Amino acid sequence: MKYEDITEKIIKAFYTVYNTLGYGFLEKVYERAIMIELKKLGLNCMSQVQIKVFYANQIIGDYVADIIVENKILVELKAIQHLSKQDEAQLLNYLTATKYEVGLLFNFGKEPEFKRKIFDNEYKKYKL
């Protein structure tokens, strides 16, 4: 699986934060905590990263990613009851319209949830 070694570390950081803080905080609290854990694991990461969105090889807007890890993996955080198909579709759309190929969606809900999505650049309609 693409970037499996990195994604496993990110997932580990997610569970560490979830097991420490539990359920009920705002996304921003979880974002700050997971950034601490990712850095402890030696990963290069940035939060609230502005990313160009493309359509027909043209920039059509900007999107702010919660976290980018190793300039390879897009991480989206939620603090909602349950992840929905809409949340997963949103992540896939971000992968479709950006250069990123791997996305992780984490939910700090009553039960921890995560989804991993991969969309290789070679299959994207428009080359970025």
Protein backbone atom coordinates (compact mmCIF):
# COMPACT_ATOMS: atom_id res chain seq x y z
CA MET A 1 0.00 0.00 0.00
CA LYS A 2 1.29 3.46 -0.90
CA TYR A 3 3.15 5.17 1.97
CA GLU A 4 2.07 2.41 4.36
CA ASP A 5 4.97 3.01 6.76
CA ILE A 6 3.99 6.66 7.17
CA THR A 7 0.24 6.05 7.35
CA GLU A 8 0.73 3.46 10.09
CA LYS A 9 2.59 6.04 12.19
CA ILE A 10 -0.17 8.59 11.60
CA ILE A 11 -2.83 6.07 12.63
CA LYS A 12 -0.81 5.29 15.75
CA ALA A 13 -0.73 9.01 16.59
CA PHE A 14 -4.51 9.20 16.09
CA TYR A 15 -5.17 6.38 18.55
CA THR A 16 -2.70 7.80 21.06
CA VAL A 17 -4.55 11.11 21.02
CA TYR A 18 -7.97 9.46 21.12
CA ASN A 19 -7.02 7.18 24.01
CA THR A 20 -5.59 10.14 25.94
CA LEU A 21 -8.24 12.80 25.30
CA GLY A 22 -11.30 10.71 24.50
CA TYR A 23 -14.45 12.12 22.98
CA GLY A 24 -15.94 15.60 23.20
CA PHE A 25 -13.33 18.22 22.27
CA LEU A 26 -13.36 20.54 19.27
CA GLU A 27 -11.43 19.53 16.15
CA LYS A 28 -8.81 22.20 16.82
CA VAL A 29 -7.87 20.55 20.13
CA TYR A 30 -7.39 17.19 18.43
CA GLU A 31 -5.44 18.83 15.61
CA ARG A 32 -2.98 20.38 18.05
CA ALA A 33 -2.60 17.12 19.97
CA ILE A 34 -2.06 14.97 16.89
CA MET A 35 0.55 17.43 15.62
CA ILE A 36 2.47 16.88 18.86
CA GLU A 37 2.28 13.11 18.44
CA LEU A 38 3.29 13.20 14.76
CA LYS A 39 6.35 15.28 15.60
CA LYS A 40 7.25 12.86 18.43
CA LEU A 41 7.23 10.11 15.80
CA GLY A 42 9.71 12.10 13.74
CA LEU A 43 7.29 13.02 10.98
CA ASN A 44 7.45 16.32 9.13
CA CYS A 45 3.96 17.81 9.31
CA MET A 46 2.15 21.11 8.85
CA SER A 47 -1.33 22.14 9.90
CA GLN A 48 -3.84 24.40 8.17
CA VAL A 49 -2.05 24.18 4.83
CA GLN A 50 -3.49 26.13 1.92
CA ILE A 51 -3.64 23.94 -1.18
CA LYS A 52 -4.49 24.88 -4.76
CA VAL A 53 -7.49 23.10 -6.26
CA PHE A 54 -7.33 22.27 -9.96
CA TYR A 55 -9.86 21.72 -12.72
CA ALA A 56 -8.88 21.19 -16.37
CA ASN A 57 -5.27 21.91 -15.37
CA GLN A 58 -6.23 25.34 -14.05
CA ILE A 59 -6.31 26.62 -10.50
CA ILE A 60 -9.94 27.19 -9.54
CA GLY A 61 -9.64 27.79 -5.84
CA ASP A 62 -8.00 27.05 -2.55
CA TYR A 63 -8.68 24.51 0.12
CA VAL A 64 -7.19 24.41 3.62
CA ALA A 65 -6.05 20.95 4.67
CA ASP A 66 -6.10 20.14 8.37
CA ILE A 67 -2.69 18.43 8.23
CA ILE A 68 -0.16 17.45 5.57
CA VAL A 69 2.40 14.82 6.57
CA GLU A 70 5.77 14.43 4.82
CA ASN A 71 4.31 16.48 1.94
CA LYS A 72 2.66 13.22 0.83
CA ILE A 73 -0.40 12.50 2.95
CA LEU A 74 -3.45 14.65 3.47
CA VAL A 75 -5.09 14.26 6.88
CA GLU A 76 -8.63 15.46 7.60
CA LEU A 77 -10.00 15.54 11.13
CA LYS A 78 -13.59 15.37 12.32
CA ALA A 79 -15.15 15.49 15.78
CA ILE A 80 -18.67 14.32 14.93
CA GLN A 81 -21.03 11.52 15.95
CA HIS A 82 -20.13 9.21 13.01
CA LEU A 83 -18.35 9.53 9.71
CA SER A 84 -20.70 9.66 6.74
CA LYS A 85 -20.35 8.79 3.07
CA GLN A 86 -20.29 12.56 2.49
CA ASP A 87 -17.19 12.91 4.69
CA GLU A 88 -15.47 10.14 2.72
CA ALA A 89 -16.52 11.72 -0.59
CA GLN A 90 -15.11 15.05 0.56
CA LEU A 91 -11.72 13.44 1.23
CA LEU A 92 -11.76 11.68 -2.14
CA ASN A 93 -12.62 14.99 -3.85
CA TYR A 94 -9.63 16.63 -2.14
CA LEU A 95 -7.40 13.86 -3.49
CA THR A 96 -8.94 14.18 -6.95
CA ALA A 97 -8.35 17.92 -7.18
CA THR A 98 -4.88 18.13 -5.59
CA LYS A 99 -1.47 16.53 -6.06
CA TYR A 100 -1.93 14.31 -3.00
CA GLU A 101 -2.55 10.62 -3.55
CA VAL A 102 -3.16 9.34 -0.01
CA GLY A 103 -5.70 10.71 2.41
CA LEU A 104 -6.62 9.78 5.96
CA LEU A 105 -9.91 10.78 7.55
CA PHE A 106 -10.06 10.57 11.35
CA ASN A 107 -13.09 11.00 13.54
CA PHE A 108 -12.78 11.72 17.25
CA GLY A 109 -16.41 10.72 17.87
CA LYS A 110 -17.89 8.50 20.57
CA GLU A 111 -15.97 5.68 18.93
CA PRO A 112 -12.70 6.33 17.06
CA GLU A 113 -13.04 5.94 13.29
CA PHE A 114 -10.68 6.30 10.38
CA LYS A 115 -10.79 5.85 6.62
CA ARG A 116 -7.85 5.61 4.24
CA LYS A 117 -8.31 6.71 0.62
CA ILE A 118 -5.84 6.41 -2.24
CA PHE A 119 -6.12 8.04 -5.64
CA ASP A 120 -2.95 7.67 -7.72
CA ASN A 121 -2.05 10.70 -9.78
CA GLU A 122 -1.70 8.55 -12.90
CA TYR A 123 -5.46 7.92 -12.80
CA LYS A 124 -6.53 11.51 -12.29
CA LYS A 125 -8.33 12.98 -15.26
CA TYR A 126 -6.25 16.14 -15.23
CA LYS A 127 -2.55 15.94 -14.63
CA LEU A 128 -1.44 18.21 -11.81
